[in-house]
Amino acid sequence: MSKKKLEENIKFWISKFISRNKDYDLKEIFEFKDLSKINNRYIKSFKDYNSWCFAPDFTIIIKNKLNNKYEIILINRSCETVGLRAIGEIMCFNRIINPKLSFLISAKGYSEEISLFLIDKKFNQKLLNYFNKNLIIFAFDDNSIKIKKESIIPFSSRKVLYE
């Protein structure tokens, strides 16, 4: 899957994913933007946004209809298999921002070098956990927005994501 196709699939998928949850409204999707430099009322509503000097692949602003607060979803993508470097990058973002949800989406799943870390519950917790939430890793089927069920890590996220 090409980089452009993967990015199109991600935007379509996240819009559909949010629309299924009636408690949230999609407000904005930023692509590859340094969050500290965005002049946007939604971003400015977050404390310390001006210190977020990094650019996730996708930053999604959602509004919680129950409490009228804005929340963030982060997504990084990889056209290759996911390795420790890709996980490390988005986990740094997660620990700074504490997003509602965080995804690492790959065109090819995850690499063998990390498969044991991801399957072992203790290692999984150490590697993917932030503020009692988990980074969710998955891959799309080739050239579609359908998620490969067997690619979803952590396993507990499978029933939430698998369509």
C-alpha atoms as a PDB file:
ATOM      1  CA  MET A   1       0.000   0.000   0.000  1.00  0.00           C
ATOM      2  CA  SER A   2       1.394   3.400  -0.924  1.00  0.00           C
ATOM      3  CA  LYS A   3       2.009   6.094   1.678  1.00  0.00           C
ATOM      4  CA  LYS A   4      -0.675   8.304   0.142  1.00  0.00           C
ATOM      5  CA  LYS A   5      -3.236   5.470   0.089  1.00  0.00           C
ATOM      6  CA  LEU A   6      -2.446   4.575   3.714  1.00  0.00           C
ATOM      7  CA  GLU A   7      -2.949   8.206   4.762  1.00  0.00           C
ATOM      8  CA  GLU A   8      -6.263   8.414   2.872  1.00  0.00           C
ATOM      9  CA  ASN A   9      -7.404   5.177   4.515  1.00  0.00           C
ATOM     10  CA  ILE A  10      -6.481   6.480   7.957  1.00  0.00           C
ATOM     11  CA  LYS A  11      -8.468   9.704   7.498  1.00  0.00           C
ATOM     12  CA  PHE A  12     -11.498   7.815   6.238  1.00  0.00           C
ATOM     13  CA  TRP A  13     -11.230   5.186   8.985  1.00  0.00           C
ATOM     14  CA  ILE A  14     -10.839   7.639  11.889  1.00  0.00           C
ATOM     15  CA  SER A  15     -13.810   9.703  10.706  1.00  0.00           C
ATOM     16  CA  LYS A  16     -15.934   6.557  10.542  1.00  0.00           C
ATOM     17  CA  PHE A  17     -14.601   5.312  13.904  1.00  0.00           C
ATOM     18  CA  ILE A  18     -15.506   8.564  15.679  1.00  0.00           C
ATOM     19  CA  SER A  19     -18.919   8.834  14.028  1.00  0.00           C
ATOM     20  CA  ARG A  20     -19.830   5.398  15.447  1.00  0.00           C
ATOM     21  CA  ASN A  21     -19.422   6.781  18.971  1.00  0.00           C
ATOM     22  CA  LYS A  22     -22.395   9.048  19.604  1.00  0.00           C
ATOM     23  CA  ASP A  23     -20.684  10.740  22.605  1.00  0.00           C
ATOM     24  CA  TYR A  24     -18.047  12.446  20.423  1.00  0.00           C
ATOM     25  CA  ASP A  25     -17.936  14.899  17.553  1.00  0.00           C
ATOM     26  CA  LEU A  26     -14.993  15.141  15.194  1.00  0.00           C
ATOM     27  CA  LYS A  27     -13.784  18.748  15.185  1.00  0.00           C
ATOM     28  CA  GLU A  28     -10.472  18.814  13.346  1.00  0.00           C
ATOM     29  CA  ILE A  29      -7.814  16.607  11.780  1.00  0.00           C
ATOM     30  CA  PHE A  30      -4.290  18.005  11.570  1.00  0.00           C
ATOM     31  CA  GLU A  31      -1.756  16.232   9.397  1.00  0.00           C
ATOM     32  CA  PHE A  32       1.979  16.464  10.069  1.00  0.00           C
ATOM     33  CA  LYS A  33       1.688  19.775  11.952  1.00  0.00           C
ATOM     34  CA  ASP A  34       3.934  20.973  14.764  1.00  0.00           C
ATOM     35  CA  LEU A  35       1.317  21.197  17.501  1.00  0.00           C
ATOM     36  CA  SER A  36       2.983  24.148  19.243  1.00  0.00           C
ATOM     37  CA  LYS A  37       2.657  26.259  16.080  1.00  0.00           C
ATOM     38  CA  ILE A  38      -0.982  25.611  15.255  1.00  0.00           C
ATOM     39  CA  ASN A  39      -3.142  28.699  15.592  1.00  0.00           C
ATOM     40  CA  ASN A  40      -6.424  26.983  16.327  1.00  0.00           C
ATOM     41  CA  ARG A  41      -8.958  27.462  19.110  1.00  0.00           C
ATOM     42  CA  TYR A  42      -9.266  23.734  19.758  1.00  0.00           C
ATOM     43  CA  ILE A  43      -5.528  23.245  20.253  1.00  0.00           C
ATOM     44  CA  LYS A  44      -5.303  26.414  22.331  1.00  0.00           C
ATOM     45  CA  SER A  45      -7.876  24.979  24.744  1.00  0.00           C
ATOM     46  CA  PHE A  46      -5.269  22.471  25.994  1.00  0.00           C
ATOM     47  CA  LYS A  47      -2.973  23.427  28.830  1.00  0.00           C
ATOM     48  CA  ASP A  48       0.699  23.677  27.815  1.00  0.00           C
ATOM     49  CA  TYR A  49      -0.047  23.173  24.101  1.00  0.00           C
ATOM     50  CA  ASN A  50       2.708  25.669  23.282  1.00  0.00           C
ATOM     51  CA  SER A  51       5.317  23.220  24.618  1.00  0.00           C
ATOM     52  CA  TRP A  52       4.165  20.447  22.261  1.00  0.00           C
ATOM     53  CA  CYS A  53       7.008  21.005  19.784  1.00  0.00           C
ATOM     54  CA  PHE A  54       6.457  17.873  17.718  1.00  0.00           C
ATOM     55  CA  ALA A  55       4.326  16.759  14.798  1.00  0.00           C
ATOM     56  CA  PRO A  56       2.396  13.482  15.003  1.00  0.00           C
ATOM     57  CA  ASP A  57       1.267  12.148  11.642  1.00  0.00           C
ATOM     58  CA  PHE A  58      -2.356  12.863  12.583  1.00  0.00           C
ATOM     59  CA  THR A  59      -3.752  14.829  15.497  1.00  0.00           C
ATOM     60  CA  ILE A  60      -7.512  14.527  15.807  1.00  0.00           C
ATOM     61  CA  ILE A  61      -9.524  16.883  17.972  1.00  0.00           C
ATOM     62  CA  ILE A  62     -12.821  15.515  19.240  1.00  0.00           C
ATOM     63  CA  LYS A  63     -15.443  17.060  21.468  1.00  0.00           C
ATOM     64  CA  ASN A  64     -16.937  15.035  24.273  1.00  0.00           C
ATOM     65  CA  LYS A  65     -20.689  15.785  24.114  1.00  0.00           C
ATOM     66  CA  LEU A  66     -21.211  14.706  27.720  1.00  0.00           C
ATOM     67  CA  ASN A  67     -18.866  17.251  29.308  1.00  0.00           C
ATOM     68  CA  ASN A  68     -18.257  19.657  26.380  1.00  0.00           C
ATOM     69  CA  LYS A  69     -14.485  19.196  26.632  1.00  0.00           C
ATOM     70  CA  TYR A  70     -12.086  18.759  23.762  1.00  0.00           C
ATOM     71  CA  GLU A  71      -9.920  15.662  23.643  1.00  0.00           C
ATOM     72  CA  ILE A  72      -7.123  14.444  21.390  1.00  0.00           C
ATOM     73  CA  ILE A  73      -6.504  11.278  19.428  1.00  0.00           C
ATOM     74  CA  LEU A  74      -2.999  10.708  18.066  1.00  0.00           C
ATOM     75  CA  ILE A  75      -2.146   8.544  15.087  1.00  0.00           C
ATOM     76  CA  ASN A  76       1.222   7.724  13.621  1.00  0.00           C
ATOM     77  CA  ARG A  77       1.498   5.561  10.534  1.00  0.00           C
ATOM     78  CA  SER A  78       4.129   3.355   8.995  1.00  0.00           C
ATOM     79  CA  CYS A  79       4.305   2.033   5.454  1.00  0.00           C
ATOM     80  CA  GLU A  80       6.683  -0.645   6.732  1.00  0.00           C
ATOM     81  CA  THR A  81       6.393  -3.049   9.633  1.00  0.00           C
ATOM     82  CA  VAL A  82       6.231  -1.400  13.052  1.00  0.00           C
ATOM     83  CA  GLY A  83       9.415  -1.561  15.099  1.00  0.00           C
ATOM     84  CA  LEU A  84      10.643  -0.193  18.413  1.00  0.00           C
ATOM     85  CA  ARG A  85      11.559   3.194  16.938  1.00  0.00           C
ATOM     86  CA  ALA A  86       7.992   3.861  15.731  1.00  0.00           C
ATOM     87  CA  ILE A  87       6.559   2.745  19.077  1.00  0.00           C
ATOM     88  CA  GLY A  88       9.054   4.882  20.999  1.00  0.00           C
ATOM     89  CA  GLU A  89       8.202   8.009  19.046  1.00  0.00           C
ATOM     90  CA  ILE A  90       4.451   7.887  19.556  1.00  0.00           C
ATOM     91  CA  MET A  91       4.821   6.783  23.174  1.00  0.00           C
ATOM     92  CA  CYS A  92       6.829   9.949  23.857  1.00  0.00           C
ATOM     93  CA  PHE A  93       3.960  11.978  22.377  1.00  0.00           C
ATOM     94  CA  ASN A  94       1.444   9.989  24.453  1.00  0.00           C
ATOM     95  CA  ARG A  95       3.277  10.626  27.697  1.00  0.00           C
ATOM     96  CA  ILE A  96       3.408  14.361  27.008  1.00  0.00           C
ATOM     97  CA  ILE A  97      -0.155  14.875  25.744  1.00  0.00           C
ATOM     98  CA  ASN A  98      -2.065  11.977  27.372  1.00  0.00           C
ATOM     99  CA  PRO A  99      -4.477  11.565  24.443  1.00  0.00           C
ATOM    100  CA  LYS A 100      -7.883   9.928  24.748  1.00  0.00           C
ATOM    101  CA  LEU A 101      -6.731   7.306  22.222  1.00  0.00           C
ATOM    102  CA  SER A 102      -3.483   6.621  20.421  1.00  0.00           C
ATOM    103  CA  PHE A 103      -2.953   4.476  17.348  1.00  0.00           C
ATOM    104  CA  LEU A 104       0.053   3.242  15.416  1.00  0.00           C
ATOM    105  CA  ILE A 105      -1.251   2.063  12.064  1.00  0.00           C
ATOM    106  CA  SER A 106       0.897   0.080   9.679  1.00  0.00           C
ATOM    107  CA  ALA A 107       0.530  -1.077   6.132  1.00  0.00           C
ATOM    108  CA  LYS A 108       2.386  -4.281   7.024  1.00  0.00           C
ATOM    109  CA  GLY A 109       1.757  -5.109  10.702  1.00  0.00           C
ATOM    110  CA  TYR A 110       4.590  -5.329  13.204  1.00  0.00           C
ATOM    111  CA  SER A 111       8.109  -6.666  12.876  1.00  0.00           C
ATOM    112  CA  GLU A 112       9.355  -9.943  14.283  1.00  0.00           C
ATOM    113  CA  GLU A 113      11.791  -8.046  16.540  1.00  0.00           C
ATOM    114  CA  ILE A 114       8.902  -6.811  18.657  1.00  0.00           C
ATOM    115  CA  SER A 115       6.401  -9.653  18.347  1.00  0.00           C
ATOM    116  CA  LEU A 116       7.491 -11.274  21.625  1.00  0.00           C
ATOM    117  CA  PHE A 117       7.266  -7.918  23.432  1.00  0.00           C
ATOM    118  CA  LEU A 118       3.760  -7.373  22.146  1.00  0.00           C
ATOM    119  CA  ILE A 119       2.422 -10.814  22.972  1.00  0.00           C
ATOM    120  CA  ASP A 120       3.890 -11.026  26.505  1.00  0.00           C
ATOM    121  CA  LYS A 121       1.507  -9.160  28.840  1.00  0.00           C
ATOM    122  CA  LYS A 122       4.244  -7.750  31.124  1.00  0.00           C
ATOM    123  CA  PHE A 123       6.337  -6.418  28.250  1.00  0.00           C
ATOM    124  CA  ASN A 124       3.215  -5.173  26.500  1.00  0.00           C
ATOM    125  CA  GLN A 125       2.279  -3.111  29.564  1.00  0.00           C
ATOM    126  CA  LYS A 126       5.776  -1.620  29.850  1.00  0.00           C
ATOM    127  CA  LEU A 127       6.040  -0.815  26.164  1.00  0.00           C
ATOM    128  CA  LEU A 128       2.540   0.349  25.247  1.00  0.00           C
ATOM    129  CA  ASN A 129       1.007   1.764  28.436  1.00  0.00           C
ATOM    130  CA  TYR A 130       0.620   5.482  29.203  1.00  0.00           C
ATOM    131  CA  PHE A 131      -1.520   6.877  32.045  1.00  0.00           C
ATOM    132  CA  ASN A 132      -3.437   3.554  32.320  1.00  0.00           C
ATOM    133  CA  LYS A 133      -4.250   3.624  28.605  1.00  0.00           C
ATOM    134  CA  ASN A 134      -2.679   1.639  25.789  1.00  0.00           C
ATOM    135  CA  LEU A 135      -1.241   2.495  22.432  1.00  0.00           C
ATOM    136  CA  ILE A 136      -3.206   0.451  19.902  1.00  0.00           C
ATOM    137  CA  ILE A 137      -1.319  -1.027  16.965  1.00  0.00           C
ATOM    138  CA  PHE A 138      -2.986  -2.480  13.892  1.00  0.00           C
ATOM    139  CA  ALA A 139      -2.762  -2.878  10.130  1.00  0.00           C
ATOM    140  CA  PHE A 140      -5.301  -2.488   7.374  1.00  0.00           C
ATOM    141  CA  ASP A 141      -5.988  -5.209   4.849  1.00  0.00           C
ATOM    142  CA  ASP A 142      -4.213  -4.466   1.588  1.00  0.00           C
ATOM    143  CA  ASN A 143      -5.716  -1.419  -0.144  1.00  0.00           C
ATOM    144  CA  SER A 144      -8.754  -1.181   2.126  1.00  0.00           C
ATOM    145  CA  ILE A 145      -9.888   0.318   5.403  1.00  0.00           C
ATOM    146  CA  LYS A 146     -10.791  -3.037   6.889  1.00  0.00           C
ATOM    147  CA  ILE A 147      -8.604  -3.829   9.895  1.00  0.00           C
ATOM    148  CA  LYS A 148      -6.719  -7.131  10.001  1.00  0.00           C
ATOM    149  CA  LYS A 149      -8.092  -8.634  13.208  1.00  0.00           C
ATOM    150  CA  GLU A 150      -4.941 -10.638  13.920  1.00  0.00           C
ATOM    151  CA  SER A 151      -2.828  -7.452  13.736  1.00  0.00           C
ATOM    152  CA  ILE A 152      -4.554  -5.652  16.626  1.00  0.00           C
ATOM    153  CA  ILE A 153      -2.368  -5.228  19.705  1.00  0.00           C
ATOM    154  CA  PRO A 154      -3.240  -5.229  22.584  1.00  0.00           C
ATOM    155  CA  PHE A 155      -5.600  -8.146  22.177  1.00  0.00           C
ATOM    156  CA  SER A 156      -8.178  -6.467  24.450  1.00  0.00           C
ATOM    157  CA  SER A 157      -8.735  -3.817  21.761  1.00  0.00           C
ATOM    158  CA  ARG A 158      -9.855  -6.342  19.158  1.00  0.00           C
ATOM    159  CA  LYS A 159     -13.553  -6.301  19.984  1.00  0.00           C
ATOM    160  CA  VAL A 160     -13.597  -2.484  20.033  1.00  0.00           C
ATOM    161  CA  LEU A 161     -11.854  -2.065  16.680  1.00  0.00           C
ATOM    162  CA  TYR A 162     -12.687  -5.093  14.610  1.00  0.00           C
ATOM    163  CA  GLU A 163     -15.627  -4.327  12.362  1.00  0.00           C
END
